[in-house]
């Protein structure tokens, strides 16, 4: 999958998107007969303990039924012995090596102000969402190990998540290759597994040293309930470290108390989508307010594009987690079939579904979906010739109004240059059309400079993979 033309951003100094699922703080409980259960501790008296299972069921057990270790745990909870030591926010800034906190509460800070402190460039901004993301040219020190990326996501003017990506399939330097047939050697795979283990153990030790012992976190209704996650809390803040086997290690900083995202009714989604259709005097029909995600210098175009679409529809998503569940190859490369198969159950729980559409790639075929406010996820061959044409055509539109009265027709030479190249497989969004000029607008997950580009439909027809997906209900 083509990488972003932006090779990376230097994060000066030593310098998460909502989680994909609701979760509980769980531990393993053992009874006097050795039977175990994963449940969240809710509270206790001197004779009983209240628990909550991962399915949400609450129940109370006599302490006499629990193992001695569990009875000791409950006793410590009651006595307050497990309370985390008081920390000054400057101690956490020193731990991270980042000016993360300006006071005791992060969540009432302006997102742009925090991004400025962390030196994170603006990724994209809509009327509801804003995102900031920085990729380091070289992995940078953080929590005793090294990180590749920091992102900040906000909604309605409030920070929702700060995410740090450590070792992962996409950003791991030995896996960066433009060869779509690349597969790491046994030694590289062994080194990668060791790096994952080292990162998770190191950041776990660093956080435990300051915040005390973590709780296990169990994902409910998410994409990968089998991941290993640990959770620490400090005031109104939760720190969630996750290790996805053979995939990645990440850290999310999010509010300790979070309400589940509100699920929109079908009529609300239709109305919201309709409100985002913009009709310009030039004849352009374009979809507005689509969040930008910068996939960075790796082939994560499919998961990044799906993240943008899901967030556009009010469904929280993260491209790294989508890549992990969708079987993205080392360094990048994801099949639509694998991605949609993995996402299907998750999306259906949000009351939506992913639908592959047999659209004919012409303006009329695309207009059917744009006129409903629905972008189209498009699989194509993003060749050098195609991108050069898209850039020229988009720039010409910006300097001349005469184009809007003309139907764009490519020359034979221009068409001959648009030969599909298998190693340039890519995914982007089709977000608009113009009937007069016979063009469609595309949006690539390469940053704000690629938010909207226009191409003649003839060019699109030459490089299409005939993969088209939309969100349906």
Protein backbone atom coordinates (compact mmCIF):
# COMPACT_ATOMS: atom_id res chain seq x y z
CA UNK A 1 0.00 0.00 0.00
CA UNK A 2 1.43 3.43 -0.87
CA UNK A 3 2.91 5.34 2.00
CA UNK A 4 2.09 8.92 2.75
CA UNK A 5 4.25 11.33 0.73
CA UNK A 6 5.07 12.89 4.12
CA UNK A 7 8.01 10.80 5.36
CA UNK A 8 7.75 11.89 8.95
CA UNK A 9 7.82 14.74 11.42
CA UNK A 10 10.51 15.45 13.94
CA UNK A 11 9.13 15.55 17.47
CA UNK A 12 11.37 17.98 19.31
CA UNK A 13 12.60 17.33 22.81
CA UNK A 14 12.07 13.92 24.26
CA UNK A 15 9.10 13.90 22.98
CA UNK A 16 -5.75 8.31 22.52
CA UNK A 17 -9.55 8.56 19.24
CA UNK A 18 -11.93 6.75 21.41
CA UNK A 19 -11.28 3.14 22.44
CA UNK A 20 -12.96 0.65 20.17
CA UNK A 21 -14.97 -0.82 23.01
CA UNK A 22 -16.27 -0.38 26.51
CA UNK A 23 -14.27 -2.14 29.20
CA UNK A 24 -14.15 -3.26 32.81
CA UNK A 25 -11.33 -3.29 35.39
CA UNK A 26 -11.08 -7.01 36.08
CA UNK A 27 -9.05 -9.39 38.19
CA UNK A 28 -9.07 -13.16 38.57
CA UNK A 29 -10.98 -14.39 41.64
CA UNK A 30 -10.49 -17.89 43.06
CA UNK A 31 -12.82 -19.75 45.41
CA UNK A 32 -11.93 -22.28 48.07
CA UNK A 33 -12.32 -25.11 45.52
CA UNK A 34 -9.84 -23.55 43.06
CA UNK A 35 -12.44 -22.36 40.55
CA UNK A 36 -11.76 -18.98 38.95
CA UNK A 37 -13.73 -16.12 37.43
CA UNK A 38 -12.81 -12.77 35.85
CA UNK A 39 -14.77 -9.96 37.49
CA UNK A 40 -14.59 -6.32 38.51
CA UNK A 41 -14.40 -5.45 42.21
CA UNK A 42 -17.30 -3.13 43.10
CA UNK A 43 -17.16 -2.99 46.89
CA UNK A 44 -17.27 -5.07 50.06
CA UNK A 45 -18.34 -5.33 53.67
CA UNK A 46 -16.62 -7.33 56.39
CA UNK A 47 -18.58 -10.40 55.27
CA UNK A 48 -19.43 -10.02 51.55
CA UNK A 49 -17.89 -8.79 48.30
CA UNK A 50 -19.78 -7.34 45.30
CA UNK A 51 -18.48 -8.23 41.83
CA UNK A 52 -19.38 -7.56 38.21
CA UNK A 53 -18.69 -10.04 35.42
CA UNK A 54 -17.58 -9.06 31.90
CA UNK A 55 -21.18 -9.47 30.66
CA UNK A 56 -22.30 -6.80 33.14
CA UNK A 57 -23.99 -9.17 35.61
CA UNK A 58 -23.54 -8.10 39.26
CA UNK A 59 -23.55 -10.48 42.19
CA UNK A 60 -22.49 -10.76 45.84
CA UNK A 61 -20.42 -13.56 47.39
CA UNK A 62 -19.67 -14.41 51.02
CA UNK A 63 -16.00 -13.80 51.77
CA UNK A 64 -15.82 -17.28 53.26
CA UNK A 65 -16.13 -18.74 49.74
CA UNK A 66 -13.01 -16.93 48.49
CA UNK A 67 -9.39 -17.98 48.61
CA UNK A 68 -7.17 -16.50 51.35
CA UNK A 69 -5.42 -14.30 48.76
CA UNK A 70 -8.73 -12.84 47.60
CA UNK A 71 -9.86 -12.23 51.17
CA UNK A 72 -6.60 -10.37 51.79
CA UNK A 73 -7.20 -8.30 48.66
CA UNK A 74 -10.68 -7.32 49.86
CA UNK A 75 -9.35 -6.47 53.30
CA UNK A 76 -6.77 -4.14 51.74
CA UNK A 77 -9.45 -2.49 49.63
CA UNK A 78 -11.57 -1.84 52.70
CA UNK A 79 -8.64 -0.48 54.70
CA UNK A 80 -7.45 1.70 51.83
CA UNK A 81 -3.97 0.17 51.74
CA UNK A 82 -4.05 0.01 47.93
CA UNK A 83 -4.60 3.72 47.48
CA UNK A 84 -2.07 5.12 45.03
CA UNK A 85 0.47 7.49 46.53
CA UNK A 86 -0.19 11.15 45.93
CA UNK A 87 1.73 12.45 42.93
CA UNK A 88 2.41 15.92 41.69
CA UNK A 89 1.64 16.30 37.97
CA UNK A 90 5.23 17.39 37.40
CA UNK A 91 6.37 13.93 38.51
CA UNK A 92 4.32 12.40 35.71
CA UNK A 93 5.72 14.87 33.21
CA UNK A 94 9.21 13.83 34.31
CA UNK A 95 8.26 10.16 34.04
CA UNK A 96 7.02 10.62 30.48
CA UNK A 97 9.69 13.10 29.49
CA UNK A 98 6.86 15.23 28.08
CA UNK A 99 5.08 18.42 29.20
CA UNK A 100 1.86 16.43 29.18
CA UNK A 101 0.18 18.00 32.22
CA UNK A 102 -0.14 21.69 32.98
CA UNK A 103 -2.09 21.06 36.19
CA UNK A 104 -3.92 18.22 37.93
CA UNK A 105 -6.59 17.85 35.25
CA UNK A 106 -5.81 17.26 31.58
CA UNK A 107 -9.38 17.06 30.33
CA UNK A 108 -10.29 20.72 30.74
CA UNK A 109 -7.30 21.89 28.67
CA UNK A 110 -7.80 23.16 25.14
CA UNK A 111 -6.83 20.37 22.71
CA UNK A 112 -4.76 22.76 20.61
CA UNK A 113 -2.86 23.94 23.70
CA UNK A 114 -1.92 20.38 24.69
CA UNK A 115 -0.93 19.59 21.09
CA UNK A 116 1.30 22.67 21.12
CA UNK A 117 2.97 21.53 24.36
CA UNK A 118 3.62 18.12 22.78
CA UNK A 119 4.60 19.67 19.44
CA UNK A 120 1.98 17.64 17.56
CA UNK A 121 0.93 18.99 14.13
CA UNK A 122 -2.74 19.37 13.31
CA UNK A 123 -3.96 16.30 11.47
CA UNK A 124 -7.45 17.52 10.66
CA UNK A 125 -10.38 19.44 12.07
CA UNK A 126 -14.13 19.34 11.50
CA UNK A 127 -17.02 21.00 13.30
CA UNK A 128 -17.06 18.14 15.83
CA UNK A 129 -13.63 16.51 15.76
CA UNK A 130 -10.01 17.55 15.77
CA UNK A 131 -6.89 15.45 15.69
CA UNK A 132 -3.16 16.00 16.09
CA UNK A 133 -0.48 13.46 15.23
CA UNK A 134 3.30 13.33 15.13
CA UNK A 135 5.53 10.64 13.65
CA UNK A 136 9.20 10.64 14.66
CA UNK A 137 11.86 10.18 12.00
CA UNK A 138 13.63 7.99 14.54
CA UNK A 139 12.01 6.26 17.57
CA UNK A 140 12.20 8.61 20.56
CA UNK A 141 12.68 7.83 24.29
CA UNK A 142 9.50 7.49 26.34
CA UNK A 143 8.86 5.63 29.62
CA UNK A 144 12.19 3.86 29.42
CA UNK A 145 11.70 2.50 25.92
CA UNK A 146 11.11 4.08 22.49
CA UNK A 147 7.95 5.26 20.73
CA UNK A 148 7.11 5.91 17.09
CA UNK A 149 3.96 8.03 17.17
CA UNK A 150 1.86 10.23 19.43
CA UNK A 151 -1.68 11.30 18.58
CA UNK A 152 -4.30 13.42 20.32
CA UNK A 153 -7.98 13.11 19.48
CA UNK A 154 -10.70 15.50 20.61
CA UNK A 155 -14.48 15.75 20.20
CA UNK A 156 -16.70 18.75 20.86
CA UNK A 157 -13.67 20.71 22.03
CA UNK A 158 -12.65 18.13 24.66
CA UNK A 159 -9.67 15.78 24.57
CA UNK A 160 -10.87 12.19 24.37
CA UNK A 161 -7.66 10.18 23.99
CA UNK A 162 -3.92 10.54 23.76
CA UNK A 163 -2.26 7.52 22.16
CA UNK A 164 1.40 6.51 22.08
CA UNK A 165 2.49 3.75 19.72
CA UNK A 166 5.57 1.78 20.60
CA UNK A 167 6.80 -1.20 18.57
CA UNK A 168 4.22 -2.17 15.95
CA UNK A 169 4.06 -3.89 12.57
CA UNK A 170 3.61 -0.69 10.61
CA UNK A 171 6.29 1.58 12.07
CA UNK A 172 8.94 -1.00 13.01
CA UNK A 173 12.00 0.10 10.94
CA UNK A 174 13.07 -3.38 9.70
CA UNK A 175 9.59 -3.91 8.23
CA UNK A 176 9.51 -0.78 6.09
CA UNK A 177 9.65 -1.92 2.49
CA UNK A 178 8.07 -0.88 -0.79
CA UNK A 179 8.04 -4.51 -1.90
CA UNK A 180 4.48 -5.81 -1.51
CA UNK A 181 5.90 -9.36 -1.30
CA UNK A 182 8.08 -8.46 1.69
CA UNK A 183 7.98 -10.86 4.62
CA UNK A 184 10.39 -10.68 7.54
CA UNK A 185 13.01 -13.33 8.12
CA UNK A 186 12.94 -15.63 11.15
CA UNK A 187 15.56 -13.49 12.84
CA UNK A 188 13.54 -10.33 12.18
CA UNK A 189 10.38 -11.95 13.57
CA UNK A 190 12.25 -13.07 16.67
CA UNK A 191 13.68 -9.57 17.16
CA UNK A 192 10.19 -8.09 16.70
CA UNK A 193 8.67 -10.37 19.35
CA UNK A 194 11.49 -9.49 21.73
CA UNK A 195 10.91 -5.78 21.06
CA UNK A 196 7.18 -6.14 21.82
CA UNK A 197 7.92 -7.96 25.07
CA UNK A 198 10.58 -5.43 26.06
CA UNK A 199 8.33 -2.43 25.38
CA UNK A 200 5.38 -3.81 27.32
CA UNK A 201 7.45 -4.90 30.31
CA UNK A 202 9.41 -1.64 30.39
CA UNK A 203 6.47 0.76 30.23
CA UNK A 204 4.56 -1.46 32.69
CA UNK A 205 7.42 -1.25 35.15
CA UNK A 206 7.72 2.52 34.71
CA UNK A 207 4.03 3.14 35.35
CA UNK A 208 3.83 0.67 38.22
CA UNK A 209 6.77 2.36 39.90
CA UNK A 210 4.83 5.63 40.07
CA UNK A 211 1.17 4.61 40.08
CA UNK A 212 1.18 1.27 41.90
CA UNK A 213 -0.01 -2.13 40.75
CA UNK A 214 -2.30 -2.09 37.68
CA UNK A 215 -5.62 -3.77 37.14
CA UNK A 216 -6.30 -6.08 34.23
CA UNK A 217 -8.57 -4.65 31.58
CA UNK A 218 -11.06 -6.79 29.69
CA UNK A 219 -12.47 -5.49 26.40
CA UNK A 220 -16.16 -6.02 25.81
CA UNK A 221 -17.65 -5.83 22.32
CA UNK A 222 -14.40 -4.72 20.73
CA UNK A 223 -12.29 -6.02 17.91
CA UNK A 224 -9.78 -8.04 19.92
CA UNK A 225 -11.04 -9.10 23.36
CA UNK A 226 -8.00 -11.39 23.71
CA UNK A 227 -5.45 -8.59 23.94
CA UNK A 228 -3.46 -8.15 27.12
CA UNK A 229 -4.18 -4.80 28.74
CA UNK A 230 -3.27 -3.23 32.07
CA UNK A 231 -4.79 -0.12 33.60
CA UNK A 232 -3.53 2.45 36.08
CA UNK A 233 -5.44 5.46 37.37
CA UNK A 234 -4.31 8.85 38.65
CA UNK A 235 -7.10 11.19 39.61
CA UNK A 236 -9.36 11.69 36.60
CA UNK A 237 -6.89 9.94 34.28
CA UNK A 238 -6.53 6.33 33.18
CA UNK A 239 -3.40 4.90 31.57
CA UNK A 240 -4.09 1.81 29.47
CA UNK A 241 -1.13 -0.24 28.22
CA UNK A 242 -1.93 -2.94 25.66
CA UNK A 243 0.05 -5.74 24.06
CA UNK A 244 -1.45 -7.31 20.95
CA UNK A 245 0.48 -10.50 20.24
CA UNK A 246 2.54 -10.31 17.04
CA UNK A 247 1.09 -6.85 16.37
CA UNK A 248 1.85 -3.89 18.62
CA UNK A 249 2.32 -2.29 22.02
CA UNK A 250 0.44 0.92 22.76
CA UNK A 251 -0.46 3.27 25.59
CA UNK A 252 -3.68 5.25 25.78
CA UNK A 253 -4.37 8.09 28.18
CA UNK A 254 -8.08 8.70 28.61
CA UNK A 255 -10.62 9.88 31.19
CA UNK A 256 -10.93 7.46 34.09
CA UNK A 257 -14.70 7.70 33.91
CA UNK A 258 -16.10 7.51 30.41
CA UNK A 259 -19.67 7.11 29.23
CA UNK A 260 -20.13 4.75 26.31
CA UNK A 261 -20.44 6.61 22.98
CA UNK A 262 -24.04 7.40 22.17
CA UNK A 263 -25.35 5.20 19.37
CA UNK A 264 -27.18 7.24 16.77
CA UNK A 265 -30.53 6.07 15.43
CA UNK A 266 -30.84 5.44 11.69
CA UNK A 267 -32.80 8.62 11.05
CA UNK A 268 -30.18 10.61 13.00
CA UNK A 269 -27.40 9.19 10.83
CA UNK A 270 -29.30 9.96 7.64
CA UNK A 271 -29.95 13.52 8.79
CA UNK A 272 -26.36 13.99 9.88
CA UNK A 273 -25.04 12.70 6.57
CA UNK A 274 -27.41 14.92 4.60
CA UNK A 275 -26.24 17.99 6.51
CA UNK A 276 -22.70 17.32 5.34
CA UNK A 277 -23.48 17.58 1.63
CA UNK A 278 -22.17 20.85 0.20
CA UNK A 279 -23.24 22.08 -3.24
CA UNK A 280 -20.95 24.73 -4.69
CA UNK A 281 -21.74 27.29 -7.34
CA UNK A 282 -19.13 25.58 -9.55
CA UNK A 283 -21.27 22.44 -9.71
CA UNK A 284 -19.14 20.52 -7.22
CA UNK A 285 -21.07 18.29 -4.82
CA UNK A 286 -18.76 17.49 -1.93
CA UNK A 287 -19.03 15.81 1.48
CA UNK A 288 -17.78 17.99 4.31
CA UNK A 289 -16.62 17.19 7.86
CA UNK A 290 -14.79 13.94 7.14
CA UNK A 291 -12.08 13.45 9.80
CA UNK A 292 -8.51 13.26 8.49
CA UNK A 293 -6.17 10.48 9.56
CA UNK A 294 -2.54 10.53 8.50
CA UNK A 295 -1.39 6.95 7.96
CA UNK A 296 2.21 8.15 8.07
CA UNK A 297 5.18 6.50 6.33
CA UNK A 298 3.63 3.02 6.20
CA UNK A 299 1.08 1.13 4.16
CA UNK A 300 -1.92 1.55 6.44
CA UNK A 301 -4.21 3.08 3.83
CA UNK A 302 -7.01 0.53 4.30
CA UNK A 303 -7.26 0.74 8.13
CA UNK A 304 -6.77 4.53 8.05
CA UNK A 305 -9.53 4.94 5.45
CA UNK A 306 -11.92 2.74 7.42
CA UNK A 307 -11.14 4.70 10.60
CA UNK A 308 -12.06 7.94 8.85
CA UNK A 309 -15.35 6.51 7.59
CA UNK A 310 -16.31 5.02 10.96
CA UNK A 311 -15.52 8.22 12.83
CA UNK A 312 -17.47 10.18 10.22
CA UNK A 313 -20.46 8.03 11.20
CA UNK A 314 -19.87 8.54 14.93
CA UNK A 315 -18.26 5.13 15.53
CA UNK A 316 -14.96 5.30 17.48
CA UNK A 317 -12.02 3.69 15.72
CA UNK A 318 -8.21 3.59 15.64
CA UNK A 319 -6.23 2.59 12.54
CA UNK A 320 -3.60 0.63 14.51
CA UNK A 321 -6.29 -1.48 16.16
CA UNK A 322 -8.08 -1.91 12.84
CA UNK A 323 -4.79 -3.03 11.28
CA UNK A 324 -4.27 -5.55 14.07
CA UNK A 325 -7.74 -7.08 13.71
CA UNK A 326 -7.72 -6.90 9.91
CA UNK A 327 -4.54 -8.89 9.40
CA UNK A 328 -2.44 -6.04 8.00
CA UNK A 329 0.88 -7.36 6.73
CA UNK A 330 4.26 -6.38 8.12
CA UNK A 331 4.90 -2.77 7.15
CA UNK A 332 1.42 -2.45 5.62
CA UNK A 333 -0.91 -4.05 3.12
CA UNK A 334 -4.45 -5.08 4.00
CA UNK A 335 -7.04 -6.92 1.93
CA UNK A 336 -10.54 -5.48 1.87
CA UNK A 337 -12.00 -8.94 2.48
CA UNK A 338 -9.95 -9.48 5.65
CA UNK A 339 -10.65 -5.99 6.97
CA UNK A 340 -14.40 -6.07 6.39
CA UNK A 341 -14.70 -9.62 7.71
CA UNK A 342 -13.02 -8.59 10.96
CA UNK A 343 -15.01 -5.38 11.24
CA UNK A 344 -18.41 -6.83 10.44
CA UNK A 345 -19.37 -7.94 13.95
CA UNK A 346 -18.08 -4.74 15.55
CA UNK A 347 -19.90 -2.47 13.09
CA UNK A 348 -23.14 -4.44 13.41
CA UNK A 349 -23.05 -3.88 17.17
CA UNK A 350 -23.17 -0.17 16.37
CA UNK A 351 -26.36 -0.77 14.35
CA UNK A 352 -24.56 -0.44 11.01
CA UNK A 353 -23.06 -2.76 8.42
CA UNK A 354 -20.37 -2.61 5.77
CA UNK A 355 -21.64 -3.22 2.28
CA UNK A 356 -19.67 -3.95 -0.87
CA UNK A 357 -21.47 -2.19 -3.71
CA UNK A 358 -21.46 -3.17 -7.40
CA UNK A 359 -21.24 0.45 -8.51
CA UNK A 360 -20.33 1.37 -12.05
CA UNK A 361 -17.50 3.86 -11.83
CA UNK A 362 -19.04 6.89 -13.47
CA UNK A 363 -20.36 10.16 -12.11
CA UNK A 364 -23.96 8.94 -12.01
CA UNK A 365 -23.00 5.78 -10.11
CA UNK A 366 -21.00 7.70 -7.51
CA UNK A 367 -23.59 10.48 -7.19
CA UNK A 368 -26.16 8.01 -5.87
CA UNK A 369 -24.13 7.61 -2.65
CA UNK A 370 -22.72 11.13 -2.35
CA UNK A 371 -26.27 12.49 -2.58
CA UNK A 372 -27.06 10.42 0.53
CA UNK A 373 -24.06 11.88 2.34
CA UNK A 374 -22.16 8.57 2.15
CA UNK A 375 -18.51 8.53 1.09
CA UNK A 376 -17.37 5.51 -0.92
CA UNK A 377 -14.27 3.56 0.12
CA UNK A 378 -12.43 2.92 -3.13
CA UNK A 379 -9.68 0.42 -3.93
CA UNK A 380 -7.36 1.62 -6.70
CA UNK A 381 -3.81 1.57 -8.04
CA UNK A 382 -2.32 4.81 -6.81
CA UNK A 383 0.41 5.08 -9.43
CA UNK A 384 2.86 7.94 -9.80
CA UNK A 385 1.20 8.97 -13.06
CA UNK A 386 -2.26 8.97 -11.48
CA UNK A 387 -1.15 11.11 -8.53
CA UNK A 388 0.68 13.54 -10.80
CA UNK A 389 -2.47 13.93 -12.90
CA UNK A 390 -4.64 14.37 -9.79
CA UNK A 391 -2.32 17.06 -8.47
CA UNK A 392 -2.18 18.93 -11.79
CA UNK A 393 -5.91 18.76 -12.25
CA UNK A 394 -6.65 19.94 -8.70
CA UNK A 395 -4.19 22.84 -8.97
CA UNK A 396 -5.67 23.90 -12.31
CA UNK A 397 -9.13 24.03 -10.76
CA UNK A 398 -7.87 26.43 -8.11
CA UNK A 399 -6.55 28.98 -10.59
CA UNK A 400 -9.13 28.85 -13.36
CA UNK A 401 -12.93 29.03 -13.28
CA UNK A 402 -13.13 28.07 -16.94
CA UNK A 403 -12.62 24.42 -16.06
CA UNK A 404 -16.02 24.32 -14.42
CA UNK A 405 -17.72 24.92 -17.74
CA UNK A 406 -15.81 22.18 -19.53
CA UNK A 407 -16.04 18.42 -19.55
CA UNK A 408 -12.56 17.12 -18.82
CA UNK A 409 -11.32 14.77 -21.53
CA UNK A 410 -7.91 13.14 -21.27
CA UNK A 411 -5.61 12.76 -24.22
CA UNK A 412 -4.57 9.35 -25.52
CA UNK A 413 -1.08 9.92 -24.06
CA UNK A 414 -2.51 10.75 -20.63
CA UNK A 415 -4.67 7.64 -20.67
CA UNK A 416 -1.80 5.40 -21.81
CA UNK A 417 0.29 6.61 -18.86
CA UNK A 418 -2.34 5.35 -16.42
CA UNK A 419 -1.41 1.70 -16.40
CA UNK A 420 -2.25 -0.23 -13.21
CA UNK A 421 0.78 -1.30 -11.18
CA UNK A 422 0.15 -4.10 -8.68
CA UNK A 423 2.62 -2.77 -6.10
CA UNK A 424 0.66 0.50 -5.84
CA UNK A 425 -2.56 -0.96 -4.41
CA UNK A 426 -4.26 1.69 -2.31
CA UNK A 427 -7.51 2.73 -0.62
CA UNK A 428 -9.03 6.19 -0.35
CA UNK A 429 -12.43 7.85 -0.08
CA UNK A 430 -14.51 9.16 -2.96
CA UNK A 431 -16.14 12.24 -1.44
CA UNK A 432 -17.68 14.22 -4.31
CA UNK A 433 -18.54 14.63 -7.97
CA UNK A 434 -19.15 17.23 -10.67
CA UNK A 435 -21.49 16.28 -13.50
CA UNK A 436 -20.44 19.13 -15.80
CA UNK A 437 -16.71 18.44 -15.65
CA UNK A 438 -17.19 14.65 -15.34
CA UNK A 439 -14.92 14.43 -12.30
CA UNK A 440 -14.90 12.80 -8.89
CA UNK A 441 -13.24 14.06 -5.71
CA UNK A 442 -11.01 11.75 -3.70
CA UNK A 443 -9.51 12.03 -0.22
CA UNK A 444 -6.34 10.18 0.79
CA UNK A 445 -5.25 9.45 4.37
CA UNK A 446 -1.98 11.33 3.93
CA UNK A 447 -2.70 14.50 5.89
CA UNK A 448 -4.50 17.78 5.27
CA UNK A 449 -2.82 18.43 1.92
CA UNK A 450 -4.67 15.44 0.46
CA UNK A 451 -8.09 16.15 1.92
CA UNK A 452 -9.67 16.90 -1.46
CA UNK A 453 -8.31 16.15 -4.94
CA UNK A 454 -10.24 16.04 -8.19
CA UNK A 455 -9.69 13.57 -11.04
CA UNK A 456 -11.44 13.03 -14.39
CA UNK A 457 -13.61 9.95 -14.29
CA UNK A 458 -11.62 8.51 -17.21
CA UNK A 459 -8.51 8.50 -15.05
CA UNK A 460 -10.31 6.80 -12.17
CA UNK A 461 -11.63 4.11 -14.51
CA UNK A 462 -8.09 3.28 -15.65
CA UNK A 463 -6.72 2.60 -12.15
CA UNK A 464 -9.68 1.11 -10.30
CA UNK A 465 -9.53 -2.26 -8.55
CA UNK A 466 -13.35 -2.37 -8.60
CA UNK A 467 -13.50 -2.41 -4.80
CA UNK A 468 -16.23 -0.11 -3.44
CA UNK A 469 -17.55 -0.14 0.13
CA UNK A 470 -20.06 1.99 2.01
CA UNK A 471 -21.60 2.05 5.46
CA UNK A 472 -25.21 0.91 5.44
CA UNK A 473 -28.04 0.39 7.96
